[in-house]
Amino acid sequence: MSEDRMRIDVFLWRARFFKARTGATEAIEASGARIERGGQVRRIDKPATPVEAGDILAFACPSGSKLVRIVSLPERRGPPAEAALCYQSLTSS
């Protein structure tokens, strides 16, 4: 996979929405997610689905439902402050 794309389960784990990558994989397989790219929305249930900067993701995680825009793809699973720079939360609080 090219450097401008990343598996959705890897992104969710590196962005610290899940404590383990297997948790992200299981959540995508069980509950699925929605991805919006180029004005088109589609439902996904495969953890290998690639995401890229600019995509909008809707998914369920242990802390509740999330809606985020990917700003950049994290190179590693870093500290929470670093991970938070990779996405913009669109979920209203």
C-alpha atoms as a PDB file:
ATOM      1  CA  MET A   1       0.000   0.000   0.000  1.00  0.00           C
ATOM      2  CA  SER A   2       1.343   3.440  -0.819  1.00  0.00           C
ATOM      3  CA  GLU A   3       2.435   5.911   1.837  1.00  0.00           C
ATOM      4  CA  ASP A   4      -0.575   8.166   1.187  1.00  0.00           C
ATOM      5  CA  ARG A   5      -2.951   5.366   2.236  1.00  0.00           C
ATOM      6  CA  MET A   6      -3.250   3.174   5.323  1.00  0.00           C
ATOM      7  CA  ARG A   7      -5.482   0.320   6.469  1.00  0.00           C
ATOM      8  CA  ILE A   8      -8.405   1.614   8.528  1.00  0.00           C
ATOM      9  CA  ASP A   9      -7.619  -0.691  11.464  1.00  0.00           C
ATOM     10  CA  VAL A  10      -4.014   0.553  11.579  1.00  0.00           C
ATOM     11  CA  PHE A  11      -5.174   4.192  11.453  1.00  0.00           C
ATOM     12  CA  LEU A  12      -7.698   3.698  14.279  1.00  0.00           C
ATOM     13  CA  TRP A  13      -5.068   1.975  16.427  1.00  0.00           C
ATOM     14  CA  ARG A  14      -2.284   4.507  15.732  1.00  0.00           C
ATOM     15  CA  ALA A  15      -4.708   7.412  16.328  1.00  0.00           C
ATOM     16  CA  ARG A  16      -5.395   5.805  19.725  1.00  0.00           C
ATOM     17  CA  PHE A  17      -9.115   5.118  19.344  1.00  0.00           C
ATOM     18  CA  PHE A  18      -8.368   1.496  20.335  1.00  0.00           C
ATOM     19  CA  LYS A  19      -5.826   0.067  22.781  1.00  0.00           C
ATOM     20  CA  ALA A  20      -4.915  -2.790  20.433  1.00  0.00           C
ATOM     21  CA  ARG A  21      -5.006  -3.222  16.694  1.00  0.00           C
ATOM     22  CA  THR A  22      -7.054  -6.401  17.145  1.00  0.00           C
ATOM     23  CA  GLY A  23      -9.705  -4.308  18.915  1.00  0.00           C
ATOM     24  CA  ALA A  24      -9.911  -1.992  15.908  1.00  0.00           C
ATOM     25  CA  THR A  25     -10.058  -4.978  13.547  1.00  0.00           C
ATOM     26  CA  GLU A  26     -12.850  -6.649  15.539  1.00  0.00           C
ATOM     27  CA  ALA A  27     -14.846  -3.402  15.795  1.00  0.00           C
ATOM     28  CA  ILE A  28     -14.732  -2.845  12.023  1.00  0.00           C
ATOM     29  CA  GLU A  29     -15.718  -6.459  11.325  1.00  0.00           C
ATOM     30  CA  ALA A  30     -18.550  -6.433  13.884  1.00  0.00           C
ATOM     31  CA  SER A  31     -20.034  -2.931  13.666  1.00  0.00           C
ATOM     32  CA  GLY A  32     -18.562  -1.660  10.437  1.00  0.00           C
ATOM     33  CA  ALA A  33     -17.843   1.975   9.695  1.00  0.00           C
ATOM     34  CA  ARG A  34     -18.753   4.614   7.140  1.00  0.00           C
ATOM     35  CA  ILE A  35     -16.229   6.410   5.006  1.00  0.00           C
ATOM     36  CA  GLU A  36     -16.876   9.551   2.981  1.00  0.00           C
ATOM     37  CA  ARG A  37     -14.462  10.330   0.167  1.00  0.00           C
ATOM     38  CA  GLY A  38     -15.069  12.707  -2.713  1.00  0.00           C
ATOM     39  CA  GLY A  39     -18.677  13.302  -1.668  1.00  0.00           C
ATOM     40  CA  GLN A  40     -19.543   9.588  -1.752  1.00  0.00           C
ATOM     41  CA  VAL A  41     -20.372   7.674   1.412  1.00  0.00           C
ATOM     42  CA  ARG A  42     -19.956   3.934   1.676  1.00  0.00           C
ATOM     43  CA  ARG A  43     -20.212   1.392   4.426  1.00  0.00           C
ATOM     44  CA  ILE A  44     -17.155  -0.735   5.109  1.00  0.00           C
ATOM     45  CA  ASP A  45     -16.701  -3.897   7.147  1.00  0.00           C
ATOM     46  CA  LYS A  46     -13.216  -4.958   6.110  1.00  0.00           C
ATOM     47  CA  PRO A  47     -10.297  -3.829   8.299  1.00  0.00           C
ATOM     48  CA  ALA A  48      -7.979  -3.774   5.259  1.00  0.00           C
ATOM     49  CA  THR A  49      -9.971  -0.959   3.615  1.00  0.00           C
ATOM     50  CA  PRO A  50      -7.530   1.874   2.859  1.00  0.00           C
ATOM     51  CA  VAL A  51      -8.072   5.398   4.172  1.00  0.00           C
ATOM     52  CA  GLU A  52      -6.276   8.612   3.240  1.00  0.00           C
ATOM     53  CA  ALA A  53      -6.020  12.211   4.394  1.00  0.00           C
ATOM     54  CA  GLY A  54      -9.284  14.071   3.795  1.00  0.00           C
ATOM     55  CA  ASP A  55     -11.526  11.038   4.397  1.00  0.00           C
ATOM     56  CA  ILE A  56     -14.352  11.376   6.919  1.00  0.00           C
ATOM     57  CA  LEU A  57     -14.878   8.311   9.105  1.00  0.00           C
ATOM     58  CA  ALA A  58     -17.865   7.365  11.251  1.00  0.00           C
ATOM     59  CA  PHE A  59     -17.287   4.395  13.566  1.00  0.00           C
ATOM     60  CA  ALA A  60     -17.981   3.003  17.020  1.00  0.00           C
ATOM     61  CA  CYS A  61     -15.210   2.697  19.585  1.00  0.00           C
ATOM     62  CA  PRO A  62     -15.115   1.922  23.324  1.00  0.00           C
ATOM     63  CA  SER A  63     -15.686   5.598  24.205  1.00  0.00           C
ATOM     64  CA  GLY A  64     -18.734   5.886  21.917  1.00  0.00           C
ATOM     65  CA  SER A  65     -19.572   6.782  18.332  1.00  0.00           C
ATOM     66  CA  LYS A  66     -17.050   9.000  16.559  1.00  0.00           C
ATOM     67  CA  LEU A  67     -17.063  11.144  13.445  1.00  0.00           C
ATOM     68  CA  VAL A  68     -13.594  12.335  12.409  1.00  0.00           C
ATOM     69  CA  ARG A  69     -11.830  13.845   9.400  1.00  0.00           C
ATOM     70  CA  ILE A  70      -8.370  12.423   8.750  1.00  0.00           C
ATOM     71  CA  VAL A  71      -5.852  15.270   8.597  1.00  0.00           C
ATOM     72  CA  SER A  72      -2.723  13.132   8.171  1.00  0.00           C
ATOM     73  CA  LEU A  73      -1.694   9.509   8.490  1.00  0.00           C
ATOM     74  CA  PRO A  74       0.332   8.745  11.632  1.00  0.00           C
ATOM     75  CA  GLU A  75       3.742   7.185  11.045  1.00  0.00           C
ATOM     76  CA  ARG A  76       3.666   5.422  14.411  1.00  0.00           C
ATOM     77  CA  ARG A  77       1.518   4.912  17.489  1.00  0.00           C
ATOM     78  CA  GLY A  78       2.794   7.859  19.482  1.00  0.00           C
ATOM     79  CA  PRO A  79       1.552   9.671  22.578  1.00  0.00           C
ATOM     80  CA  PRO A  80      -2.063  10.916  22.655  1.00  0.00           C
ATOM     81  CA  ALA A  81      -1.071  14.518  21.905  1.00  0.00           C
ATOM     82  CA  GLU A  82       0.746  13.406  18.748  1.00  0.00           C
ATOM     83  CA  ALA A  83      -2.121  11.116  17.701  1.00  0.00           C
ATOM     84  CA  ALA A  84      -4.681  13.923  18.125  1.00  0.00           C
ATOM     85  CA  LEU A  85      -2.905  15.956  15.418  1.00  0.00           C
ATOM     86  CA  CYS A  86      -3.791  13.283  12.844  1.00  0.00           C
ATOM     87  CA  TYR A  87      -7.551  13.858  12.899  1.00  0.00           C
ATOM     88  CA  GLN A  88     -10.196  16.511  13.464  1.00  0.00           C
ATOM     89  CA  SER A  89     -13.177  15.482  15.545  1.00  0.00           C
ATOM     90  CA  LEU A  90     -16.520  16.293  13.929  1.00  0.00           C
ATOM     91  CA  THR A  91     -18.553  14.793  16.783  1.00  0.00           C
ATOM     92  CA  SER A  92     -20.506  17.446  18.628  1.00  0.00           C
ATOM     93  CA  SER A  93     -19.935  17.408  22.383  1.00  0.00           C
END
